[in-house]
Amino acid sequence: MAGHSKWANIQHRKGRQDEKRGKIWTRIVREITVAARQGGGDPAMNPRLRLAMEKAKAANMPADRVKYNVDKATGSLDGINYEEIRYEGYGIGGAAIIVDTMTDNRVRTVAEVRHAFSKHGGNMGTEGSVAFQFKHVGQLIFAPGTSEDKVMEVALEAGAEDVITDDEGAIEVLTSPADYQAVKDALEAAGLIPEMAEVTMRAENTIELSGDDAAKMQKLLDVLEDLDDVQEVYHNAAL
């Protein structure tokens, strides 16, 4: 199945993430804390914790720090009680935005998110106002030049839902969240290492933004991502 070009957007997003590496550990610690508290401290029995620990390893977080935060979350140590809250809204040109947060102060977080939207040309929506435009999926992206036939054969055999090649030759593998780890393991075992791999909220359709609109949208996204309580920002803008 063919798809529009996403490769430039993916590379841009990776670059933005690398620039913000300093904040990534904080977000991973929160994710580990909530995952361990909800599903227990054994990653073999807790897929969400296993994903968080993978992120920690990719971000070069020391194993003893990971263990400390798992122990803290599962009651071995006292810790802060984080609450997960999702906000939805609209950006430039009506682009849909989802903001996932973890916070110990709901009042502070909603005020900061609302302020970011209103100051930078967006507006907050009600619960469910844009979420229907996204699908919760496992997503693995392979660089142009990767063998499409090999990716498709291995991915579909392992339980992937779809394999999409964009105009530039980048290959996107989509799975259910439950099958993500099995598909990722199978692809890596076949020597197919993804450029990006995550469980995410994937936009069903995108809105093209360019020029000033793209710059304004990027500013709004940057401000949202820089908020201390924000874990992830998802949107459907093609910048």
C-alpha atoms as a PDB file:
ATOM      1  CA  MET A   1       0.000   0.000   0.000  1.00  0.00           C
ATOM      2  CA  ALA A   2       1.461   3.387  -0.991  1.00  0.00           C
ATOM      3  CA  GLY A   3       1.460   6.493   1.176  1.00  0.00           C
ATOM      4  CA  HIS A   4       2.419  10.142   0.961  1.00  0.00           C
ATOM      5  CA  SER A   5       5.952  11.221   1.831  1.00  0.00           C
ATOM      6  CA  LYS A   6       6.532  11.196   5.584  1.00  0.00           C
ATOM      7  CA  TRP A   7      10.285  10.723   5.645  1.00  0.00           C
ATOM      8  CA  ALA A   8      11.170  14.416   5.964  1.00  0.00           C
ATOM      9  CA  ASN A   9       8.689  14.812   8.819  1.00  0.00           C
ATOM     10  CA  ILE A  10      10.098  11.749  10.581  1.00  0.00           C
ATOM     11  CA  GLN A  11      13.681  12.993  10.270  1.00  0.00           C
ATOM     12  CA  HIS A  12      12.632  16.437  11.488  1.00  0.00           C
ATOM     13  CA  ARG A  13      10.880  14.913  14.489  1.00  0.00           C
ATOM     14  CA  LYS A  14      13.916  12.805  15.367  1.00  0.00           C
ATOM     15  CA  GLY A  15      16.061  15.924  15.218  1.00  0.00           C
ATOM     16  CA  ARG A  16      13.709  17.775  17.556  1.00  0.00           C
ATOM     17  CA  GLN A  17      13.782  14.859  19.986  1.00  0.00           C
ATOM     18  CA  ASP A  18      17.581  14.800  19.964  1.00  0.00           C
ATOM     19  CA  GLU A  19      17.660  18.534  20.743  1.00  0.00           C
ATOM     20  CA  LYS A  20      15.457  17.921  23.769  1.00  0.00           C
ATOM     21  CA  ARG A  21      17.393  14.910  25.040  1.00  0.00           C
ATOM     22  CA  GLY A  22      17.840  16.541  28.445  1.00  0.00           C
ATOM     23  CA  LYS A  23      14.121  16.306  29.190  1.00  0.00           C
ATOM     24  CA  ILE A  24      13.719  12.775  27.917  1.00  0.00           C
ATOM     25  CA  TRP A  25      15.003  11.095  31.095  1.00  0.00           C
ATOM     26  CA  THR A  26      12.425  12.948  33.184  1.00  0.00           C
ATOM     27  CA  ARG A  27       9.618  11.767  30.909  1.00  0.00           C
ATOM     28  CA  ILE A  28      10.892   8.190  30.849  1.00  0.00           C
ATOM     29  CA  VAL A  29      11.097   8.116  34.659  1.00  0.00           C
ATOM     30  CA  ARG A  30       7.448   9.168  34.859  1.00  0.00           C
ATOM     31  CA  GLU A  31       6.437   6.528  32.316  1.00  0.00           C
ATOM     32  CA  ILE A  32       8.356   3.834  34.221  1.00  0.00           C
ATOM     33  CA  THR A  33       6.736   4.968  37.473  1.00  0.00           C
ATOM     34  CA  VAL A  34       3.167   4.811  36.169  1.00  0.00           C
ATOM     35  CA  ALA A  35       3.710   1.587  34.204  1.00  0.00           C
ATOM     36  CA  ALA A  36       5.238  -0.205  37.196  1.00  0.00           C
ATOM     37  CA  ARG A  37       2.590   1.083  39.597  1.00  0.00           C
ATOM     38  CA  GLN A  38      -0.260  -0.057  37.339  1.00  0.00           C
ATOM     39  CA  GLY A  39       1.120  -3.336  36.037  1.00  0.00           C
ATOM     40  CA  GLY A  40       3.813  -4.441  38.478  1.00  0.00           C
ATOM     41  CA  GLY A  41       7.588  -4.380  38.371  1.00  0.00           C
ATOM     42  CA  ASP A  42       8.209  -7.415  36.129  1.00  0.00           C
ATOM     43  CA  PRO A  43       8.724  -6.278  32.511  1.00  0.00           C
ATOM     44  CA  ALA A  44       8.070  -9.815  31.248  1.00  0.00           C
ATOM     45  CA  MET A  45       4.514  -9.546  32.583  1.00  0.00           C
ATOM     46  CA  ASN A  46       4.060  -5.809  31.953  1.00  0.00           C
ATOM     47  CA  PRO A  47       4.315  -4.748  28.278  1.00  0.00           C
ATOM     48  CA  ARG A  48       4.001  -1.056  29.087  1.00  0.00           C
ATOM     49  CA  LEU A  49       6.918  -1.234  31.528  1.00  0.00           C
ATOM     50  CA  ARG A  50       8.951  -3.192  28.979  1.00  0.00           C
ATOM     51  CA  LEU A  51       8.398  -0.414  26.416  1.00  0.00           C
ATOM     52  CA  ALA A  52       9.387   2.244  28.951  1.00  0.00           C
ATOM     53  CA  MET A  53      12.552   0.316  29.825  1.00  0.00           C
ATOM     54  CA  GLU A  54      13.376   0.066  26.108  1.00  0.00           C
ATOM     55  CA  LYS A  55      13.073   3.845  25.860  1.00  0.00           C
ATOM     56  CA  ALA A  56      15.336   4.196  28.894  1.00  0.00           C
ATOM     57  CA  LYS A  57      17.973   1.973  27.307  1.00  0.00           C
ATOM     58  CA  ALA A  58      17.791   3.890  24.014  1.00  0.00           C
ATOM     59  CA  ALA A  59      18.262   7.134  25.951  1.00  0.00           C
ATOM     60  CA  ASN A  60      21.309   5.671  27.765  1.00  0.00           C
ATOM     61  CA  MET A  61      19.686   5.820  31.201  1.00  0.00           C
ATOM     62  CA  PRO A  62      21.714   3.792  33.760  1.00  0.00           C
ATOM     63  CA  ALA A  63      20.159   0.453  34.704  1.00  0.00           C
ATOM     64  CA  ASP A  64      20.393   1.223  38.421  1.00  0.00           C
ATOM     65  CA  ARG A  65      18.318   4.366  37.921  1.00  0.00           C
ATOM     66  CA  VAL A  66      15.691   2.355  36.041  1.00  0.00           C
ATOM     67  CA  LYS A  67      15.584  -0.215  38.877  1.00  0.00           C
ATOM     68  CA  TYR A  68      15.342   2.522  41.498  1.00  0.00           C
ATOM     69  CA  ASN A  69      12.291   4.010  39.817  1.00  0.00           C
ATOM     70  CA  VAL A  70      10.615   0.623  39.375  1.00  0.00           C
ATOM     71  CA  ASP A  71      11.172  -0.118  43.076  1.00  0.00           C
ATOM     72  CA  LYS A  72       9.864   3.304  44.034  1.00  0.00           C
ATOM     73  CA  ALA A  73       6.714   2.854  41.962  1.00  0.00           C
ATOM     74  CA  THR A  74       5.926  -0.646  43.228  1.00  0.00           C
ATOM     75  CA  GLY A  75       6.039   0.404  46.865  1.00  0.00           C
ATOM     76  CA  SER A  76       9.576  -0.557  47.779  1.00  0.00           C
ATOM     77  CA  LEU A  77      10.264   3.176  48.126  1.00  0.00           C
ATOM     78  CA  ASP A  78       8.007   6.177  48.680  1.00  0.00           C
ATOM     79  CA  GLY A  79       7.261   8.191  45.563  1.00  0.00           C
ATOM     80  CA  ILE A  80       5.122  10.886  43.970  1.00  0.00           C
ATOM     81  CA  ASN A  81       1.704   9.857  42.714  1.00  0.00           C
ATOM     82  CA  TYR A  82       1.425  10.840  39.035  1.00  0.00           C
ATOM     83  CA  GLU A  83      -1.921  11.131  37.262  1.00  0.00           C
ATOM     84  CA  GLU A  84      -2.287  10.653  33.509  1.00  0.00           C
ATOM     85  CA  ILE A  85      -4.415  13.278  31.733  1.00  0.00           C
ATOM     86  CA  ARG A  86      -5.008  13.719  28.006  1.00  0.00           C
ATOM     87  CA  TYR A  87      -5.888  17.099  26.491  1.00  0.00           C
ATOM     88  CA  GLU A  88      -7.163  17.686  22.965  1.00  0.00           C
ATOM     89  CA  GLY A  89      -7.258  20.777  20.841  1.00  0.00           C
ATOM     90  CA  TYR A  90      -6.687  22.500  17.530  1.00  0.00           C
ATOM     91  CA  GLY A  91      -3.594  24.165  16.119  1.00  0.00           C
ATOM     92  CA  ILE A  92      -2.972  26.295  13.051  1.00  0.00           C
ATOM     93  CA  GLY A  93      -5.319  25.624  10.126  1.00  0.00           C
ATOM     94  CA  GLY A  94      -7.526  23.404  12.278  1.00  0.00           C
ATOM     95  CA  ALA A  95      -4.785  20.762  12.717  1.00  0.00           C
ATOM     96  CA  ALA A  96      -5.668  18.257  15.430  1.00  0.00           C
ATOM     97  CA  ILE A  97      -3.435  17.972  18.508  1.00  0.00           C
ATOM     98  CA  ILE A  98      -3.404  15.463  21.375  1.00  0.00           C
ATOM     99  CA  VAL A  99      -1.321  16.266  24.473  1.00  0.00           C
ATOM    100  CA  ASP A 100      -0.604  13.410  26.897  1.00  0.00           C
ATOM    101  CA  THR A 101       0.561  14.495  30.345  1.00  0.00           C
ATOM    102  CA  MET A 102       1.627  12.981  33.652  1.00  0.00           C
ATOM    103  CA  THR A 103       1.241  15.298  36.590  1.00  0.00           C
ATOM    104  CA  ASP A 104       1.096  15.557  40.361  1.00  0.00           C
ATOM    105  CA  ASN A 105      -0.901  18.804  40.020  1.00  0.00           C
ATOM    106  CA  ARG A 106      -3.853  18.737  37.619  1.00  0.00           C
ATOM    107  CA  VAL A 107      -4.676  22.448  38.108  1.00  0.00           C
ATOM    108  CA  ARG A 108      -1.168  23.559  37.154  1.00  0.00           C
ATOM    109  CA  THR A 109      -1.035  21.296  34.112  1.00  0.00           C
ATOM    110  CA  VAL A 110      -4.344  22.281  32.541  1.00  0.00           C
ATOM    111  CA  ALA A 111      -3.517  25.969  33.028  1.00  0.00           C
ATOM    112  CA  GLU A 112      -0.137  25.580  31.304  1.00  0.00           C
ATOM    113  CA  VAL A 113      -1.545  23.568  28.396  1.00  0.00           C
ATOM    114  CA  ARG A 114      -4.442  25.986  27.881  1.00  0.00           C
ATOM    115  CA  HIS A 115      -2.077  28.971  27.985  1.00  0.00           C
ATOM    116  CA  ALA A 116       0.212  27.370  25.377  1.00  0.00           C
ATOM    117  CA  PHE A 117      -2.713  26.772  23.019  1.00  0.00           C
ATOM    118  CA  SER A 118      -4.217  30.248  23.389  1.00  0.00           C
ATOM    119  CA  LYS A 119      -0.910  32.156  23.192  1.00  0.00           C
ATOM    120  CA  HIS A 120       0.275  30.426  20.030  1.00  0.00           C
ATOM    121  CA  GLY A 121      -2.793  30.404  17.796  1.00  0.00           C
ATOM    122  CA  GLY A 122      -4.532  27.223  18.882  1.00  0.00           C
ATOM    123  CA  ASN A 123      -7.436  26.429  21.142  1.00  0.00           C
ATOM    124  CA  MET A 124      -8.288  23.683  23.601  1.00  0.00           C
ATOM    125  CA  GLY A 125     -11.073  21.312  22.678  1.00  0.00           C
ATOM    126  CA  THR A 126     -13.283  19.062  24.773  1.00  0.00           C
ATOM    127  CA  GLU A 127     -12.514  15.411  25.512  1.00  0.00           C
ATOM    128  CA  GLY A 128     -12.955  13.376  22.328  1.00  0.00           C
ATOM    129  CA  SER A 129     -12.972  16.427  20.049  1.00  0.00           C
ATOM    130  CA  VAL A 130      -9.990  15.250  17.967  1.00  0.00           C
ATOM    131  CA  ALA A 131      -9.055  11.789  19.291  1.00  0.00           C
ATOM    132  CA  PHE A 132     -11.313  10.117  16.720  1.00  0.00           C
ATOM    133  CA  GLN A 133      -8.875  11.338  14.027  1.00  0.00           C
ATOM    134  CA  PHE A 134      -6.096   9.152  15.464  1.00  0.00           C
ATOM    135  CA  LYS A 135      -5.553   5.426  15.913  1.00  0.00           C
ATOM    136  CA  HIS A 136      -3.569   3.812  18.745  1.00  0.00           C
ATOM    137  CA  VAL A 137      -0.986   1.650  16.947  1.00  0.00           C
ATOM    138  CA  GLY A 138       2.484   0.200  17.013  1.00  0.00           C
ATOM    139  CA  GLN A 139       4.554   1.951  14.351  1.00  0.00           C
ATOM    140  CA  LEU A 140       7.957   0.983  12.924  1.00  0.00           C
ATOM    141  CA  ILE A 141       9.637   3.151  10.269  1.00  0.00           C
ATOM    142  CA  PHE A 142      12.399   1.897   7.961  1.00  0.00           C
ATOM    143  CA  ALA A 143      14.651   4.179   5.920  1.00  0.00           C
ATOM    144  CA  PRO A 144      14.385   4.430   2.133  1.00  0.00           C
ATOM    145  CA  GLY A 145      16.439   1.691   0.537  1.00  0.00           C
ATOM    146  CA  THR A 146      15.273  -1.032   2.925  1.00  0.00           C
ATOM    147  CA  SER A 147      13.912  -4.096   1.125  1.00  0.00           C
ATOM    148  CA  GLU A 148      10.160  -3.626   0.956  1.00  0.00           C
ATOM    149  CA  ASP A 149       9.575  -7.289   0.097  1.00  0.00           C
ATOM    150  CA  LYS A 150      11.589  -8.503   3.082  1.00  0.00           C
ATOM    151  CA  VAL A 151       9.929  -6.080   5.518  1.00  0.00           C
ATOM    152  CA  MET A 152       6.480  -7.040   4.247  1.00  0.00           C
ATOM    153  CA  GLU A 153       7.162 -10.779   4.419  1.00  0.00           C
ATOM    154  CA  VAL A 154       8.555 -10.711   7.966  1.00  0.00           C
ATOM    155  CA  ALA A 155       6.120  -8.127   9.340  1.00  0.00           C
ATOM    156  CA  LEU A 156       2.926  -9.720   8.034  1.00  0.00           C
ATOM    157  CA  GLU A 157       4.086 -13.191   9.104  1.00  0.00           C
ATOM    158  CA  ALA A 158       4.655 -11.815  12.634  1.00  0.00           C
ATOM    159  CA  GLY A 159       1.172 -10.282  12.828  1.00  0.00           C
ATOM    160  CA  ALA A 160       1.493  -6.731  11.465  1.00  0.00           C
ATOM    161  CA  GLU A 161      -1.713  -5.094  10.254  1.00  0.00           C
ATOM    162  CA  ASP A 162      -0.294  -3.099   7.333  1.00  0.00           C
ATOM    163  CA  VAL A 163       2.914  -2.161   5.513  1.00  0.00           C
ATOM    164  CA  ILE A 164       2.952   1.232   3.762  1.00  0.00           C
ATOM    165  CA  THR A 165       5.667   2.633   1.486  1.00  0.00           C
ATOM    166  CA  ASP A 166       5.754   6.399   0.988  1.00  0.00           C
ATOM    167  CA  ASP A 167       6.771   8.428  -2.067  1.00  0.00           C
ATOM    168  CA  GLU A 168      10.413   8.550  -0.951  1.00  0.00           C
ATOM    169  CA  GLY A 169      10.686   4.822  -0.268  1.00  0.00           C
ATOM    170  CA  ALA A 170      10.405   4.919   3.532  1.00  0.00           C
ATOM    171  CA  ILE A 171       8.509   1.885   4.831  1.00  0.00           C
ATOM    172  CA  GLU A 172       5.988   2.094   7.666  1.00  0.00           C
ATOM    173  CA  VAL A 173       4.863  -1.040   9.493  1.00  0.00           C
ATOM    174  CA  LEU A 174       1.658  -0.781  11.546  1.00  0.00           C
ATOM    175  CA  THR A 175       0.599  -3.201  14.268  1.00  0.00           C
ATOM    176  CA  SER A 176      -1.931  -3.394  17.050  1.00  0.00           C
ATOM    177  CA  PRO A 177      -0.373  -2.205  20.336  1.00  0.00           C
ATOM    178  CA  ALA A 178      -0.589  -5.780  21.634  1.00  0.00           C
ATOM    179  CA  ASP A 179       1.377  -7.199  18.673  1.00  0.00           C
ATOM    180  CA  TYR A 180       3.982  -4.407  18.518  1.00  0.00           C
ATOM    181  CA  GLN A 181       6.708  -6.174  20.511  1.00  0.00           C
ATOM    182  CA  ALA A 182       6.383  -9.481  18.660  1.00  0.00           C
ATOM    183  CA  VAL A 183       6.554  -7.766  15.258  1.00  0.00           C
ATOM    184  CA  LYS A 184       9.513  -5.611  16.323  1.00  0.00           C
ATOM    185  CA  ASP A 185      11.381  -8.659  17.656  1.00  0.00           C
ATOM    186  CA  ALA A 186      10.736 -10.607  14.447  1.00  0.00           C
ATOM    187  CA  LEU A 187      11.943  -7.756  12.217  1.00  0.00           C
ATOM    188  CA  GLU A 188      15.095  -7.212  14.267  1.00  0.00           C
ATOM    189  CA  ALA A 189      15.793 -10.960  14.292  1.00  0.00           C
ATOM    190  CA  ALA A 190      15.671 -10.790  10.478  1.00  0.00           C
ATOM    191  CA  GLY A 191      18.265  -8.001  10.512  1.00  0.00           C
ATOM    192  CA  LEU A 192      15.709  -5.260   9.832  1.00  0.00           C
ATOM    193  CA  ILE A 193      16.413  -2.458  12.308  1.00  0.00           C
ATOM    194  CA  PRO A 194      13.816   0.352  12.304  1.00  0.00           C
ATOM    195  CA  GLU A 195      14.809   4.000  12.201  1.00  0.00           C
ATOM    196  CA  MET A 196      11.982   4.715  14.625  1.00  0.00           C
ATOM    197  CA  ALA A 197       9.776   2.312  16.594  1.00  0.00           C
ATOM    198  CA  GLU A 198       7.064   3.177  19.104  1.00  0.00           C
ATOM    199  CA  VAL A 199       3.489   2.685  20.222  1.00  0.00           C
ATOM    200  CA  THR A 200       1.831   5.941  19.252  1.00  0.00           C
ATOM    201  CA  MET A 201      -1.326   7.798  18.275  1.00  0.00           C
ATOM    202  CA  ARG A 202      -1.175   7.876  14.466  1.00  0.00           C
ATOM    203  CA  ALA A 203      -3.193  10.431  12.529  1.00  0.00           C
ATOM    204  CA  GLU A 204      -5.602   8.834  10.037  1.00  0.00           C
ATOM    205  CA  ASN A 205      -5.317  11.878   7.732  1.00  0.00           C
ATOM    206  CA  THR A 206      -2.904  14.809   7.626  1.00  0.00           C
ATOM    207  CA  ILE A 207      -3.289  18.549   7.035  1.00  0.00           C
ATOM    208  CA  GLU A 208      -0.579  20.141   4.885  1.00  0.00           C
ATOM    209  CA  LEU A 209       0.885  23.345   6.340  1.00  0.00           C
ATOM    210  CA  SER A 210       3.608  25.469   4.753  1.00  0.00           C
ATOM    211  CA  GLY A 211       5.270  28.876   5.122  1.00  0.00           C
ATOM    212  CA  ASP A 212       4.103  30.988   8.066  1.00  0.00           C
ATOM    213  CA  ASP A 213       1.420  28.485   9.028  1.00  0.00           C
ATOM    214  CA  ALA A 214       3.992  25.687   9.321  1.00  0.00           C
ATOM    215  CA  ALA A 215       6.304  27.917  11.392  1.00  0.00           C
ATOM    216  CA  LYS A 216       3.474  28.902  13.739  1.00  0.00           C
ATOM    217  CA  MET A 217       2.378  25.291  14.132  1.00  0.00           C
ATOM    218  CA  GLN A 218       5.939  24.197  14.901  1.00  0.00           C
ATOM    219  CA  LYS A 219       6.189  26.917  17.558  1.00  0.00           C
ATOM    220  CA  LEU A 220       2.963  25.746  19.198  1.00  0.00           C
ATOM    221  CA  LEU A 221       4.176  22.132  19.194  1.00  0.00           C
ATOM    222  CA  ASP A 222       7.555  23.156  20.634  1.00  0.00           C
ATOM    223  CA  VAL A 223       5.941  25.118  23.463  1.00  0.00           C
ATOM    224  CA  LEU A 224       3.632  22.206  24.316  1.00  0.00           C
ATOM    225  CA  GLU A 225       6.481  19.675  24.226  1.00  0.00           C
ATOM    226  CA  ASP A 226       8.606  21.878  26.490  1.00  0.00           C
ATOM    227  CA  LEU A 227       6.034  21.893  29.300  1.00  0.00           C
ATOM    228  CA  ASP A 228       7.366  19.907  32.246  1.00  0.00           C
ATOM    229  CA  ASP A 229       4.239  17.760  32.656  1.00  0.00           C
ATOM    230  CA  VAL A 230       3.888  16.850  28.964  1.00  0.00           C
ATOM    231  CA  GLN A 231       4.900  13.317  27.972  1.00  0.00           C
ATOM    232  CA  GLU A 232       3.874  13.198  24.304  1.00  0.00           C
ATOM    233  CA  VAL A 233       2.344  15.503  21.703  1.00  0.00           C
ATOM    234  CA  TYR A 234       0.586  13.961  18.696  1.00  0.00           C
ATOM    235  CA  HIS A 235      -0.732  15.935  15.719  1.00  0.00           C
ATOM    236  CA  ASN A 236      -1.920  15.515  12.148  1.00  0.00           C
ATOM    237  CA  ALA A 237      -0.004  18.397  10.543  1.00  0.00           C
ATOM    238  CA  ALA A 238       2.418  17.695   7.697  1.00  0.00           C
ATOM    239  CA  LEU A 239       4.933  20.528   8.038  1.00  0.00           C
END
